[in-house]
Each structure stands twice: as C-alpha cells, then as structure tokens.
N, C-alpha and C. Protein backbone atom coordinates (compact mmCIF):
# COMPACT_ATOMS: atom_id res chain seq x y z
N MET A 1 -147.27 40.80 5.98
CA MET A 1 -147.15 39.76 4.97
C MET A 1 -147.13 38.40 5.67
N PRO A 2 -148.00 37.47 5.28
CA PRO A 2 -148.07 36.18 5.95
C PRO A 2 -146.81 35.35 5.71
N ALA A 3 -146.44 34.57 6.69
CA ALA A 3 -145.26 33.72 6.57
C ALA A 3 -145.56 32.53 5.68
N GLN A 4 -144.56 32.12 4.93
CA GLN A 4 -144.66 30.90 4.13
C GLN A 4 -144.06 29.75 4.92
N ALA A 5 -144.56 28.55 4.66
CA ALA A 5 -144.05 27.36 5.32
C ALA A 5 -143.66 26.35 4.26
N SER A 6 -142.43 25.84 4.35
CA SER A 6 -141.94 24.88 3.38
C SER A 6 -141.15 23.79 4.08
N GLU A 7 -141.34 22.55 3.63
CA GLU A 7 -140.47 21.47 4.09
C GLU A 7 -139.11 21.66 3.44
N ALA A 8 -138.04 21.52 4.21
CA ALA A 8 -136.72 21.89 3.67
C ALA A 8 -135.61 21.10 4.35
N PHE A 9 -134.46 21.06 3.66
CA PHE A 9 -133.21 20.57 4.22
C PHE A 9 -132.26 21.77 4.39
N VAL A 10 -131.66 21.88 5.55
CA VAL A 10 -130.69 22.94 5.78
C VAL A 10 -129.35 22.51 5.18
N LEU A 11 -128.80 23.34 4.28
CA LEU A 11 -127.55 23.00 3.61
C LEU A 11 -126.34 23.60 4.30
N ARG A 12 -126.36 24.92 4.54
CA ARG A 12 -125.21 25.58 5.17
C ARG A 12 -125.68 26.78 5.96
N THR A 13 -124.87 27.19 6.93
CA THR A 13 -125.13 28.42 7.68
C THR A 13 -123.84 29.23 7.74
N TYR A 14 -124.02 30.57 7.74
CA TYR A 14 -122.89 31.49 7.80
C TYR A 14 -123.14 32.52 8.90
N PRO A 15 -122.13 32.85 9.70
CA PRO A 15 -122.31 33.92 10.71
C PRO A 15 -122.62 35.24 10.02
N PHE A 16 -123.52 36.00 10.64
CA PHE A 16 -123.92 37.29 10.09
C PHE A 16 -124.17 38.24 11.24
N LYS A 17 -123.44 39.34 11.24
CA LYS A 17 -123.50 40.31 12.32
C LYS A 17 -123.16 39.65 13.65
N GLU A 18 -123.74 40.14 14.74
CA GLU A 18 -123.32 39.65 16.05
C GLU A 18 -124.02 38.36 16.46
N ALA A 19 -125.31 38.25 16.16
CA ALA A 19 -126.07 37.11 16.67
C ALA A 19 -126.90 36.41 15.59
N ASP A 20 -126.74 36.82 14.33
CA ASP A 20 -127.58 36.27 13.26
C ASP A 20 -126.82 35.22 12.45
N LEU A 21 -127.59 34.50 11.64
CA LEU A 21 -127.03 33.53 10.70
C LEU A 21 -127.67 33.73 9.33
N ILE A 22 -126.87 33.55 8.29
CA ILE A 22 -127.42 33.40 6.95
C ILE A 22 -127.53 31.90 6.68
N VAL A 23 -128.71 31.46 6.29
CA VAL A 23 -128.99 30.03 6.13
C VAL A 23 -129.31 29.74 4.67
N SER A 24 -128.63 28.76 4.12
CA SER A 24 -128.97 28.24 2.80
C SER A 24 -129.77 26.96 3.01
N PHE A 25 -130.98 26.92 2.47
CA PHE A 25 -131.84 25.76 2.69
C PHE A 25 -132.57 25.39 1.39
N PHE A 26 -132.82 24.12 1.23
CA PHE A 26 -133.42 23.58 0.01
C PHE A 26 -134.84 23.13 0.31
N THR A 27 -135.81 23.84 -0.26
CA THR A 27 -137.21 23.54 0.01
C THR A 27 -137.79 22.65 -1.08
N ARG A 28 -138.83 21.93 -0.71
CA ARG A 28 -139.48 21.04 -1.67
C ARG A 28 -140.24 21.82 -2.74
N ASP A 29 -140.84 22.95 -2.37
CA ASP A 29 -141.73 23.66 -3.29
C ASP A 29 -141.12 24.91 -3.91
N GLN A 30 -140.06 25.49 -3.30
CA GLN A 30 -139.48 26.72 -3.81
C GLN A 30 -138.03 26.57 -4.28
N GLY A 31 -137.46 25.40 -4.11
CA GLY A 31 -136.06 25.20 -4.48
C GLY A 31 -135.11 25.73 -3.42
N LYS A 32 -133.89 26.04 -3.81
CA LYS A 32 -132.88 26.50 -2.85
C LYS A 32 -133.05 27.99 -2.59
N LEU A 33 -133.13 28.34 -1.31
CA LEU A 33 -133.28 29.73 -0.88
C LEU A 33 -132.21 30.06 0.15
N ARG A 34 -131.99 31.35 0.34
CA ARG A 34 -131.10 31.83 1.40
C ARG A 34 -131.84 32.88 2.21
N GLY A 35 -131.65 32.83 3.51
CA GLY A 35 -132.36 33.77 4.36
C GLY A 35 -131.57 34.12 5.61
N VAL A 36 -132.05 35.15 6.30
CA VAL A 36 -131.41 35.62 7.52
C VAL A 36 -132.22 35.13 8.72
N ALA A 37 -131.54 34.42 9.61
CA ALA A 37 -132.16 33.95 10.85
C ALA A 37 -131.71 34.88 11.98
N ARG A 38 -132.61 35.77 12.38
CA ARG A 38 -132.28 36.75 13.41
C ARG A 38 -132.12 36.09 14.77
N ARG A 39 -131.06 36.48 15.47
CA ARG A 39 -130.78 36.01 16.83
C ARG A 39 -130.62 34.49 16.93
N ALA A 40 -130.28 33.84 15.82
CA ALA A 40 -130.16 32.38 15.82
C ALA A 40 -128.94 31.90 16.59
N ARG A 41 -127.96 32.78 16.85
CA ARG A 41 -126.75 32.38 17.56
C ARG A 41 -126.86 32.61 19.06
N ARG A 42 -128.00 33.11 19.50
CA ARG A 42 -128.20 33.31 20.93
C ARG A 42 -128.74 32.04 21.57
N PRO A 43 -128.49 31.84 22.86
CA PRO A 43 -128.95 30.61 23.53
C PRO A 43 -130.46 30.39 23.40
N LYS A 44 -131.22 31.44 23.56
CA LYS A 44 -132.67 31.33 23.43
C LYS A 44 -133.09 31.90 22.08
N ASN A 45 -133.52 31.00 21.19
CA ASN A 45 -133.96 31.44 19.87
C ASN A 45 -135.10 30.55 19.40
N SER A 46 -135.72 30.90 18.29
CA SER A 46 -136.89 30.17 17.79
C SER A 46 -136.53 29.07 16.81
N PHE A 47 -135.23 28.74 16.70
CA PHE A 47 -134.81 27.73 15.73
C PHE A 47 -134.32 26.44 16.39
N GLY A 48 -133.86 26.53 17.62
CA GLY A 48 -133.39 25.35 18.32
C GLY A 48 -132.26 24.66 17.57
N SER A 49 -132.36 23.33 17.42
CA SER A 49 -131.35 22.56 16.69
C SER A 49 -131.75 22.36 15.23
N GLY A 50 -132.76 23.09 14.78
CA GLY A 50 -133.25 22.90 13.42
C GLY A 50 -132.33 23.41 12.34
N LEU A 51 -131.32 24.20 12.69
CA LEU A 51 -130.42 24.74 11.68
C LEU A 51 -129.12 23.95 11.55
N GLU A 52 -129.09 22.76 12.15
CA GLU A 52 -127.93 21.89 11.99
C GLU A 52 -127.88 21.36 10.56
N ARG A 53 -126.70 20.99 10.14
CA ARG A 53 -126.46 20.52 8.77
C ARG A 53 -127.40 19.38 8.36
N LEU A 54 -128.11 19.57 7.26
CA LEU A 54 -129.02 18.61 6.66
C LEU A 54 -130.18 18.20 7.57
N SER A 55 -130.49 19.03 8.55
CA SER A 55 -131.71 18.79 9.32
C SER A 55 -132.91 18.96 8.39
N GLN A 56 -133.86 18.06 8.51
CA GLN A 56 -135.10 18.18 7.74
C GLN A 56 -136.11 18.92 8.61
N VAL A 57 -136.57 20.06 8.13
CA VAL A 57 -137.39 20.95 8.96
C VAL A 57 -138.59 21.46 8.17
N ARG A 58 -139.50 22.04 8.90
CA ARG A 58 -140.54 22.87 8.28
C ARG A 58 -140.17 24.32 8.60
N MET A 59 -139.75 25.02 7.55
CA MET A 59 -139.22 26.37 7.70
C MET A 59 -140.31 27.40 7.49
N TYR A 60 -140.40 28.36 8.40
CA TYR A 60 -141.36 29.47 8.28
C TYR A 60 -140.57 30.74 7.96
N TYR A 61 -140.96 31.44 6.90
CA TYR A 61 -140.17 32.58 6.46
C TYR A 61 -141.05 33.59 5.72
N PHE A 62 -140.55 34.81 5.62
CA PHE A 62 -141.19 35.89 4.87
C PHE A 62 -140.37 36.15 3.61
N GLN A 63 -141.03 36.24 2.50
CA GLN A 63 -140.35 36.44 1.22
C GLN A 63 -140.91 37.68 0.52
N ARG A 64 -140.02 38.62 0.23
CA ARG A 64 -140.42 39.85 -0.45
C ARG A 64 -139.89 39.85 -1.87
N GLU A 65 -140.61 40.50 -2.76
CA GLU A 65 -140.18 40.60 -4.15
C GLU A 65 -138.90 41.42 -4.24
N ASN A 66 -138.06 41.02 -5.20
CA ASN A 66 -136.80 41.72 -5.48
C ASN A 66 -135.83 41.71 -4.31
N ARG A 67 -136.01 40.76 -3.40
CA ARG A 67 -135.07 40.58 -2.29
C ARG A 67 -134.39 39.22 -2.42
N GLU A 68 -133.06 39.23 -2.41
CA GLU A 68 -132.34 37.96 -2.55
C GLU A 68 -132.49 37.09 -1.31
N LEU A 69 -132.47 37.71 -0.15
CA LEU A 69 -132.56 36.96 1.10
C LEU A 69 -133.97 37.04 1.66
N VAL A 70 -134.48 35.89 2.11
CA VAL A 70 -135.76 35.88 2.80
C VAL A 70 -135.50 36.10 4.29
N SER A 71 -136.54 36.36 5.03
CA SER A 71 -136.42 36.57 6.47
C SER A 71 -136.99 35.34 7.19
N LEU A 72 -136.14 34.61 7.86
CA LEU A 72 -136.56 33.39 8.55
C LEU A 72 -137.21 33.73 9.88
N ASP A 73 -138.36 33.11 10.13
CA ASP A 73 -139.10 33.37 11.36
C ASP A 73 -138.83 32.29 12.41
N SER A 74 -138.96 31.02 12.01
CA SER A 74 -138.74 29.90 12.93
C SER A 74 -138.74 28.62 12.11
N CYS A 75 -138.49 27.50 12.77
CA CYS A 75 -138.56 26.21 12.08
C CYS A 75 -138.94 25.12 13.06
N GLU A 76 -139.57 24.07 12.54
CA GLU A 76 -139.92 22.88 13.31
C GLU A 76 -139.08 21.71 12.81
N LEU A 77 -138.41 21.03 13.71
CA LEU A 77 -137.56 19.91 13.33
C LEU A 77 -138.41 18.69 12.98
N ILE A 78 -138.22 18.18 11.77
CA ILE A 78 -138.91 16.96 11.33
C ILE A 78 -138.02 15.75 11.54
N GLN A 79 -136.76 15.85 11.12
CA GLN A 79 -135.82 14.74 11.26
C GLN A 79 -134.39 15.28 11.37
N SER A 80 -133.73 14.97 12.46
CA SER A 80 -132.33 15.38 12.61
C SER A 80 -131.43 14.27 12.09
N GLN A 81 -130.16 14.60 11.90
CA GLN A 81 -129.16 13.60 11.47
C GLN A 81 -128.16 13.31 12.59
N PHE A 82 -128.55 13.55 13.83
CA PHE A 82 -127.63 13.36 14.95
C PHE A 82 -127.16 11.90 15.06
N ALA A 83 -128.04 10.96 14.75
CA ALA A 83 -127.65 9.55 14.85
C ALA A 83 -126.53 9.19 13.88
N VAL A 84 -126.46 9.89 12.76
CA VAL A 84 -125.43 9.61 11.77
C VAL A 84 -124.05 10.03 12.28
N LEU A 85 -124.01 11.05 13.14
CA LEU A 85 -122.74 11.60 13.60
C LEU A 85 -122.00 10.68 14.57
N THR A 86 -122.58 9.54 14.92
CA THR A 86 -121.87 8.58 15.76
C THR A 86 -120.70 7.94 15.01
N ASP A 87 -120.73 8.03 13.68
CA ASP A 87 -119.64 7.49 12.86
C ASP A 87 -118.96 8.63 12.12
N TYR A 88 -117.62 8.68 12.19
CA TYR A 88 -116.89 9.78 11.57
C TYR A 88 -117.09 9.80 10.05
N GLY A 89 -116.98 8.64 9.41
CA GLY A 89 -117.13 8.57 7.96
C GLY A 89 -118.50 9.02 7.50
N ALA A 90 -119.52 8.65 8.26
CA ALA A 90 -120.88 9.08 7.91
C ALA A 90 -121.03 10.58 8.07
N GLY A 91 -120.35 11.15 9.07
CA GLY A 91 -120.38 12.60 9.24
C GLY A 91 -119.74 13.32 8.06
N VAL A 92 -118.64 12.77 7.55
CA VAL A 92 -118.01 13.34 6.36
C VAL A 92 -118.94 13.22 5.16
N ALA A 93 -119.68 12.11 5.07
CA ALA A 93 -120.64 11.94 3.98
C ALA A 93 -121.72 13.02 4.03
N LEU A 94 -122.17 13.41 5.24
CA LEU A 94 -123.14 14.49 5.36
C LEU A 94 -122.57 15.79 4.80
N ASP A 95 -121.29 16.06 5.11
CA ASP A 95 -120.65 17.26 4.54
C ASP A 95 -120.65 17.20 3.02
N PHE A 96 -120.38 16.03 2.49
CA PHE A 96 -120.35 15.85 1.03
C PHE A 96 -121.72 16.10 0.41
N PHE A 97 -122.76 15.51 1.01
CA PHE A 97 -124.12 15.72 0.50
C PHE A 97 -124.49 17.20 0.50
N ALA A 98 -124.20 17.86 1.62
CA ALA A 98 -124.59 19.26 1.75
C ALA A 98 -123.81 20.15 0.78
N GLU A 99 -122.51 19.91 0.64
CA GLU A 99 -121.68 20.75 -0.22
C GLU A 99 -122.05 20.57 -1.69
N VAL A 100 -122.25 19.33 -2.11
CA VAL A 100 -122.62 19.07 -3.50
C VAL A 100 -123.98 19.70 -3.80
N SER A 101 -124.93 19.55 -2.90
CA SER A 101 -126.25 20.14 -3.10
C SER A 101 -126.17 21.66 -3.18
N GLU A 102 -125.35 22.25 -2.31
CA GLU A 102 -125.20 23.70 -2.31
C GLU A 102 -124.70 24.23 -3.65
N HIS A 103 -123.78 23.51 -4.26
CA HIS A 103 -123.17 24.00 -5.50
C HIS A 103 -123.94 23.59 -6.76
N LEU A 104 -124.62 22.46 -6.73
CA LEU A 104 -125.31 22.01 -7.93
C LEU A 104 -126.72 22.59 -8.07
N LEU A 105 -127.39 22.85 -6.98
CA LEU A 105 -128.77 23.31 -7.07
C LEU A 105 -128.83 24.79 -7.44
N PRO A 106 -129.58 25.14 -8.47
CA PRO A 106 -129.74 26.55 -8.82
C PRO A 106 -130.69 27.24 -7.85
N PRO A 107 -130.57 28.54 -7.67
CA PRO A 107 -131.46 29.25 -6.74
C PRO A 107 -132.91 29.24 -7.20
N ALA A 108 -133.80 29.06 -6.25
CA ALA A 108 -135.25 29.22 -6.47
C ALA A 108 -135.78 28.40 -7.64
N GLU A 109 -135.27 27.19 -7.79
CA GLU A 109 -135.74 26.29 -8.85
C GLU A 109 -136.12 24.95 -8.22
N PRO A 110 -137.40 24.67 -8.04
CA PRO A 110 -137.82 23.43 -7.37
C PRO A 110 -137.33 22.18 -8.11
N SER A 111 -136.98 21.17 -7.35
CA SER A 111 -136.58 19.88 -7.91
C SER A 111 -137.06 18.79 -6.96
N GLU A 112 -138.23 18.28 -7.24
CA GLU A 112 -138.82 17.25 -6.38
C GLU A 112 -137.95 16.00 -6.35
N ARG A 113 -137.36 15.65 -7.48
CA ARG A 113 -136.52 14.44 -7.52
C ARG A 113 -135.26 14.60 -6.67
N PHE A 114 -134.63 15.76 -6.71
CA PHE A 114 -133.44 15.97 -5.90
C PHE A 114 -133.81 15.98 -4.42
N PHE A 115 -134.95 16.54 -4.10
CA PHE A 115 -135.41 16.55 -2.70
C PHE A 115 -135.61 15.11 -2.21
N ARG A 116 -136.25 14.29 -3.03
CA ARG A 116 -136.47 12.89 -2.64
C ARG A 116 -135.17 12.11 -2.60
N LEU A 117 -134.20 12.48 -3.45
CA LEU A 117 -132.89 11.84 -3.41
C LEU A 117 -132.22 12.09 -2.06
N LEU A 118 -132.21 13.33 -1.61
CA LEU A 118 -131.62 13.64 -0.31
C LEU A 118 -132.32 12.89 0.82
N ALA A 119 -133.64 12.89 0.79
CA ALA A 119 -134.40 12.20 1.84
C ALA A 119 -134.09 10.70 1.85
N ALA A 120 -133.95 10.11 0.66
CA ALA A 120 -133.72 8.66 0.57
C ALA A 120 -132.33 8.28 1.08
N VAL A 121 -131.28 9.00 0.66
CA VAL A 121 -129.93 8.61 1.08
C VAL A 121 -129.74 8.87 2.57
N LEU A 122 -130.36 9.92 3.11
CA LEU A 122 -130.24 10.17 4.54
C LEU A 122 -130.96 9.12 5.37
N ALA A 123 -132.14 8.71 4.92
CA ALA A 123 -132.87 7.65 5.63
C ALA A 123 -132.08 6.34 5.58
N TYR A 124 -131.49 6.04 4.44
CA TYR A 124 -130.68 4.83 4.29
C TYR A 124 -129.46 4.87 5.21
N LEU A 125 -128.81 6.04 5.29
CA LEU A 125 -127.60 6.17 6.10
C LEU A 125 -127.90 6.10 7.59
N ARG A 126 -129.05 6.58 8.01
CA ARG A 126 -129.39 6.58 9.44
C ARG A 126 -129.54 5.18 10.00
N GLU A 127 -129.90 4.21 9.18
CA GLU A 127 -130.13 2.85 9.70
C GLU A 127 -128.85 2.21 10.20
N GLU A 128 -127.77 2.28 9.42
CA GLU A 128 -126.48 1.72 9.82
C GLU A 128 -125.38 2.64 9.31
N PRO A 129 -125.10 3.73 10.02
CA PRO A 129 -124.16 4.74 9.51
C PRO A 129 -122.79 4.19 9.14
N ALA A 130 -122.23 3.32 9.95
CA ALA A 130 -120.88 2.84 9.70
C ALA A 130 -120.80 1.90 8.51
N GLU A 131 -121.88 1.18 8.22
CA GLU A 131 -121.86 0.15 7.18
C GLU A 131 -122.33 0.68 5.82
N ARG A 132 -123.02 1.78 5.80
CA ARG A 132 -123.68 2.20 4.56
C ARG A 132 -123.13 3.49 3.96
N VAL A 133 -121.95 3.90 4.40
CA VAL A 133 -121.41 5.18 3.94
C VAL A 133 -121.17 5.18 2.44
N TRP A 134 -120.36 4.23 1.96
CA TRP A 134 -119.97 4.26 0.55
C TRP A 134 -121.12 3.99 -0.41
N PRO A 135 -122.01 3.03 -0.14
CA PRO A 135 -123.17 2.91 -1.04
C PRO A 135 -123.99 4.19 -1.12
N ALA A 136 -124.17 4.87 0.02
CA ALA A 136 -124.95 6.11 0.02
C ALA A 136 -124.23 7.21 -0.76
N VAL A 137 -122.91 7.32 -0.57
CA VAL A 137 -122.14 8.35 -1.28
C VAL A 137 -122.16 8.12 -2.78
N LEU A 138 -121.94 6.88 -3.20
CA LEU A 138 -121.91 6.57 -4.63
C LEU A 138 -123.27 6.79 -5.27
N TYR A 139 -124.31 6.35 -4.59
CA TYR A 139 -125.66 6.52 -5.14
C TYR A 139 -126.01 8.00 -5.25
N PHE A 140 -125.70 8.77 -4.21
CA PHE A 140 -126.00 10.19 -4.25
C PHE A 140 -125.20 10.90 -5.33
N ALA A 141 -123.90 10.59 -5.43
CA ALA A 141 -123.05 11.26 -6.41
C ALA A 141 -123.54 11.00 -7.83
N LEU A 142 -123.91 9.76 -8.12
CA LEU A 142 -124.40 9.42 -9.46
C LEU A 142 -125.66 10.18 -9.79
N TRP A 143 -126.65 10.14 -8.89
CA TRP A 143 -127.93 10.76 -9.19
C TRP A 143 -127.91 12.28 -9.08
N ALA A 144 -127.02 12.82 -8.26
CA ALA A 144 -126.92 14.27 -8.16
C ALA A 144 -126.48 14.88 -9.49
N VAL A 145 -125.44 14.29 -10.09
CA VAL A 145 -124.99 14.82 -11.39
C VAL A 145 -125.98 14.46 -12.50
N ARG A 146 -126.65 13.34 -12.35
CA ARG A 146 -127.64 12.95 -13.36
C ARG A 146 -128.82 13.91 -13.35
N LEU A 147 -129.34 14.23 -12.18
CA LEU A 147 -130.49 15.12 -12.08
C LEU A 147 -130.12 16.56 -12.42
N SER A 148 -128.84 16.90 -12.28
CA SER A 148 -128.41 18.26 -12.58
C SER A 148 -128.03 18.44 -14.05
N GLY A 149 -128.11 17.37 -14.83
CA GLY A 149 -127.83 17.47 -16.27
C GLY A 149 -126.38 17.31 -16.65
N PHE A 150 -125.55 16.76 -15.77
CA PHE A 150 -124.13 16.60 -16.06
C PHE A 150 -123.77 15.17 -16.45
N LEU A 151 -124.72 14.29 -16.58
CA LEU A 151 -124.43 12.91 -16.95
C LEU A 151 -125.30 12.54 -18.13
N PRO A 152 -124.72 12.07 -19.21
CA PRO A 152 -125.51 11.76 -20.41
C PRO A 152 -126.35 10.51 -20.23
N GLU A 153 -127.34 10.39 -21.08
CA GLU A 153 -128.14 9.17 -21.14
C GLU A 153 -127.49 8.23 -22.13
N PHE A 154 -126.72 7.29 -21.62
CA PHE A 154 -126.04 6.35 -22.50
C PHE A 154 -127.04 5.29 -22.97
N GLY A 155 -127.19 5.18 -24.27
CA GLY A 155 -128.09 4.17 -24.81
C GLY A 155 -127.41 2.81 -24.89
N ALA A 156 -128.15 1.76 -24.68
CA ALA A 156 -127.61 0.41 -24.76
C ALA A 156 -127.72 -0.11 -26.19
N GLY A 157 -126.66 -0.76 -26.67
CA GLY A 157 -126.68 -1.33 -28.00
C GLY A 157 -127.43 -2.64 -28.05
N ARG A 158 -127.52 -3.20 -29.26
CA ARG A 158 -128.28 -4.44 -29.45
C ARG A 158 -127.68 -5.58 -28.66
N GLU A 159 -126.34 -5.69 -28.67
CA GLU A 159 -125.70 -6.79 -27.95
C GLU A 159 -125.91 -6.66 -26.45
N SER A 160 -125.83 -5.43 -25.93
CA SER A 160 -126.05 -5.22 -24.49
C SER A 160 -127.46 -5.59 -24.09
N ASN A 161 -128.43 -5.24 -24.93
CA ASN A 161 -129.82 -5.60 -24.64
C ASN A 161 -130.01 -7.11 -24.64
N GLN A 162 -129.31 -7.79 -25.55
CA GLN A 162 -129.41 -9.25 -25.59
C GLN A 162 -128.85 -9.88 -24.32
N VAL A 163 -127.71 -9.33 -23.85
CA VAL A 163 -127.11 -9.84 -22.61
C VAL A 163 -128.05 -9.61 -21.42
N ALA A 164 -128.63 -8.40 -21.34
CA ALA A 164 -129.54 -8.10 -20.24
C ALA A 164 -130.76 -9.01 -20.28
N ASP A 165 -131.30 -9.24 -21.47
CA ASP A 165 -132.48 -10.10 -21.60
C ASP A 165 -132.15 -11.54 -21.20
N GLU A 166 -130.96 -11.99 -21.58
CA GLU A 166 -130.54 -13.34 -21.22
C GLU A 166 -130.40 -13.49 -19.71
N MET A 167 -129.84 -12.47 -19.06
CA MET A 167 -129.66 -12.53 -17.61
C MET A 167 -130.99 -12.53 -16.87
N LEU A 168 -131.98 -11.83 -17.42
CA LEU A 168 -133.29 -11.79 -16.79
C LEU A 168 -134.04 -13.11 -16.92
N ARG A 169 -133.86 -13.77 -18.04
CA ARG A 169 -134.66 -14.97 -18.34
C ARG A 169 -133.98 -16.27 -17.92
N THR A 170 -132.66 -16.24 -17.67
CA THR A 170 -131.92 -17.47 -17.39
C THR A 170 -131.53 -17.54 -15.92
N PRO A 171 -131.76 -18.69 -15.26
CA PRO A 171 -131.29 -18.85 -13.88
C PRO A 171 -129.78 -18.64 -13.81
N ILE A 172 -129.32 -18.05 -12.73
CA ILE A 172 -127.91 -17.69 -12.64
C ILE A 172 -126.99 -18.90 -12.76
N ALA A 173 -127.45 -20.07 -12.30
CA ALA A 173 -126.61 -21.27 -12.36
C ALA A 173 -126.42 -21.74 -13.80
N GLN A 174 -127.31 -21.34 -14.71
CA GLN A 174 -127.24 -21.80 -16.10
C GLN A 174 -126.59 -20.79 -17.04
N LEU A 175 -126.19 -19.64 -16.53
CA LEU A 175 -125.53 -18.65 -17.38
C LEU A 175 -124.14 -19.12 -17.77
N THR A 176 -123.76 -18.90 -19.01
CA THR A 176 -122.45 -19.29 -19.52
C THR A 176 -121.72 -18.06 -20.03
N PRO A 177 -120.37 -18.07 -20.00
CA PRO A 177 -119.62 -16.91 -20.50
C PRO A 177 -119.89 -16.66 -21.98
N ARG A 178 -119.94 -15.39 -22.36
CA ARG A 178 -120.13 -15.02 -23.75
C ARG A 178 -118.78 -14.72 -24.39
N PRO A 179 -118.64 -14.97 -25.69
CA PRO A 179 -117.36 -14.64 -26.35
C PRO A 179 -117.11 -13.14 -26.34
N TRP A 180 -115.87 -12.77 -26.08
CA TRP A 180 -115.49 -11.35 -25.99
C TRP A 180 -114.19 -11.16 -26.75
N SER A 181 -114.23 -10.38 -27.81
CA SER A 181 -113.07 -10.17 -28.66
C SER A 181 -112.54 -8.76 -28.49
N LYS A 182 -111.31 -8.52 -28.99
CA LYS A 182 -110.73 -7.18 -28.93
C LYS A 182 -111.53 -6.19 -29.77
N SER A 183 -112.06 -6.65 -30.88
CA SER A 183 -112.85 -5.76 -31.73
C SER A 183 -114.13 -5.32 -31.05
N THR A 184 -114.75 -6.24 -30.30
CA THR A 184 -115.97 -5.89 -29.56
C THR A 184 -115.67 -4.84 -28.50
N ALA A 185 -114.58 -5.05 -27.75
CA ALA A 185 -114.19 -4.08 -26.72
C ALA A 185 -113.86 -2.73 -27.33
N ALA A 186 -113.15 -2.74 -28.46
CA ALA A 186 -112.79 -1.48 -29.10
C ALA A 186 -114.02 -0.73 -29.59
N GLY A 187 -114.99 -1.46 -30.11
CA GLY A 187 -116.21 -0.82 -30.59
C GLY A 187 -117.00 -0.19 -29.47
N LEU A 188 -117.12 -0.89 -28.34
CA LEU A 188 -117.84 -0.35 -27.20
C LEU A 188 -117.12 0.89 -26.65
N ARG A 189 -115.79 0.83 -26.59
CA ARG A 189 -115.03 1.96 -26.08
C ARG A 189 -115.18 3.18 -27.01
N ARG A 190 -115.16 2.93 -28.32
CA ARG A 190 -115.31 4.01 -29.28
C ARG A 190 -116.68 4.67 -29.15
N ASP A 191 -117.73 3.84 -29.00
CA ASP A 191 -119.08 4.39 -28.85
C ASP A 191 -119.22 5.20 -27.56
N LEU A 192 -118.55 4.72 -26.51
CA LEU A 192 -118.61 5.43 -25.23
C LEU A 192 -117.92 6.79 -25.35
N TYR A 193 -116.74 6.83 -25.98
CA TYR A 193 -116.04 8.10 -26.17
C TYR A 193 -116.89 9.09 -26.96
N ARG A 194 -117.55 8.61 -28.00
CA ARG A 194 -118.38 9.49 -28.82
C ARG A 194 -119.54 10.06 -28.01
N ALA A 195 -120.13 9.21 -27.17
CA ALA A 195 -121.25 9.68 -26.36
C ALA A 195 -120.80 10.75 -25.38
N ILE A 196 -119.63 10.55 -24.76
CA ILE A 196 -119.11 11.54 -23.80
C ILE A 196 -118.77 12.84 -24.51
N GLU A 197 -118.09 12.76 -25.65
CA GLU A 197 -117.72 13.96 -26.38
C GLU A 197 -118.94 14.74 -26.84
N SER A 198 -119.94 14.01 -27.33
CA SER A 198 -121.16 14.67 -27.79
C SER A 198 -121.86 15.38 -26.64
N HIS A 199 -121.91 14.71 -25.49
CA HIS A 199 -122.56 15.31 -24.32
C HIS A 199 -121.80 16.55 -23.86
N ALA A 200 -120.47 16.48 -23.85
CA ALA A 200 -119.66 17.62 -23.41
C ALA A 200 -119.87 18.82 -24.33
N GLU A 201 -119.89 18.57 -25.63
CA GLU A 201 -120.06 19.67 -26.57
C GLU A 201 -121.43 20.31 -26.43
N ARG A 202 -122.45 19.52 -26.14
CA ARG A 202 -123.81 20.04 -26.10
C ARG A 202 -124.13 20.73 -24.79
N ARG A 203 -123.60 20.20 -23.67
CA ARG A 203 -124.16 20.66 -22.41
C ARG A 203 -123.14 21.12 -21.38
N LEU A 204 -121.93 20.59 -21.40
CA LEU A 204 -121.02 20.90 -20.31
C LEU A 204 -120.21 22.17 -20.53
N ILE A 205 -119.83 22.45 -21.77
CA ILE A 205 -118.94 23.57 -22.02
C ILE A 205 -119.57 24.89 -21.61
N THR A 206 -120.85 25.05 -21.84
CA THR A 206 -121.52 26.31 -21.53
C THR A 206 -122.19 26.31 -20.16
N ALA A 207 -121.96 25.28 -19.39
CA ALA A 207 -122.60 25.24 -18.07
C ALA A 207 -122.03 26.33 -17.17
N PRO A 208 -122.89 27.08 -16.49
CA PRO A 208 -122.40 28.15 -15.61
C PRO A 208 -121.42 27.66 -14.55
N LEU A 209 -121.63 26.43 -14.08
CA LEU A 209 -120.74 25.91 -13.04
C LEU A 209 -119.32 25.81 -13.56
N LEU A 210 -119.14 25.36 -14.81
CA LEU A 210 -117.81 25.24 -15.36
C LEU A 210 -117.23 26.59 -15.77
N GLU A 211 -118.08 27.49 -16.19
CA GLU A 211 -117.61 28.83 -16.56
C GLU A 211 -117.01 29.57 -15.36
N ALA A 212 -117.50 29.21 -14.18
CA ALA A 212 -117.02 29.89 -12.97
C ALA A 212 -115.70 29.33 -12.46
N LEU A 213 -115.24 28.20 -12.99
CA LEU A 213 -114.01 27.59 -12.51
C LEU A 213 -112.79 28.40 -12.95
C-alpha cells in the first residue's frame, strides 16, 4: 500500500511499548489523525526532531480501512518551534495551542481554516516570543472556539452600525463622545444575554465535548 503524505502539525506524543510512540497530528487534508511511530524513541530513527510539539512537518504514513491508528513511516521537518522555547511564557503558549487543538478538533475531519490559524499564530509568535505571547493566545483562543462552533455570531444593532460607520468616516481627532444612558446599556445587556442563551440552547448543550465532562 503506497504511503500518503500530508502537511501536518504534531499535537501530542505518547510512549507506546518499549521504543514506539503514538502520535496525534493535525493534517491539512485529512484532519486530526493518530498513528504509531515505530522505533521513534531510539537514537537512530526516521523522524528526527519532527515529532516535537507543534512541529510543522510533511508526514508520510500508511492508512488502512477500519483501523483507528495509522502507521507512520517518516517525516520531513518544515518548521520547528525551537526559537519560541527561548521564552518560558511562549513555551507555555505552545502547550496551550496544542492542548486546545487536541481536544477541539474532531478525528479525521479536515479544517483548512483551523490549520491556517495554527500556522498564523505560530509564525507571529516566532518573530518576538517574549513580546507577543498574550496577543497570540487571545487571538487563537477566540478563533479556535469560533471555528469549532462554540461562539455565536453576534449581530450588530442599528446604533452599533452607526457608531462603526462614524468611526470609519471621521478623523479620530474630530470624534466626540456619544450620549450613553442606563436604558441603552440595559438594552444591550439584555440582547447579549438572549443571544448567549439562544446559542447555548441550540448548540452547546448537546455538544459531545460538554457531554463528556
């Protein structure tokens, strides 16, 4: 059976038997897969440093029908995250990205947007690891839940659209404060609560992730 090749991010590895590893990896074309990397824990192996956390690799593997685990043959390192590990906070952020991806991504379901999200935040973090940790974490957290269907699409009201339009068309030096009353705040808060409740009733209660808690 010919080997398949997929661009992928390595999410997690688990010890298996004496010298093997079970690898969870997220591919661009096949989604999240798990496979066995034979002899990956030995000094001389065909994986090198490609199985490090969130390494971007080209993974070569054999996939059989009705088998949960694929058989990993080798991998080519495209981009490592070693430069990020110079900062402790950035290293913790890598753990966060990998763990969230591991739990949110369903098996064998491609998600081009999530793949590009991981690539974008990692590229951003590599430039200045110590300075860009929190923007990267917040951006990833927001879009990870959004792409996974856990964040509702909040619609903007007429007044909000007017404010946005005014900000786009008016130089910042000429902007003036808008009147803000308690009734306006209460109305916006009420609409927000309704949107959250509606979203929870429609999508969150029956989500497999929450059922497993």
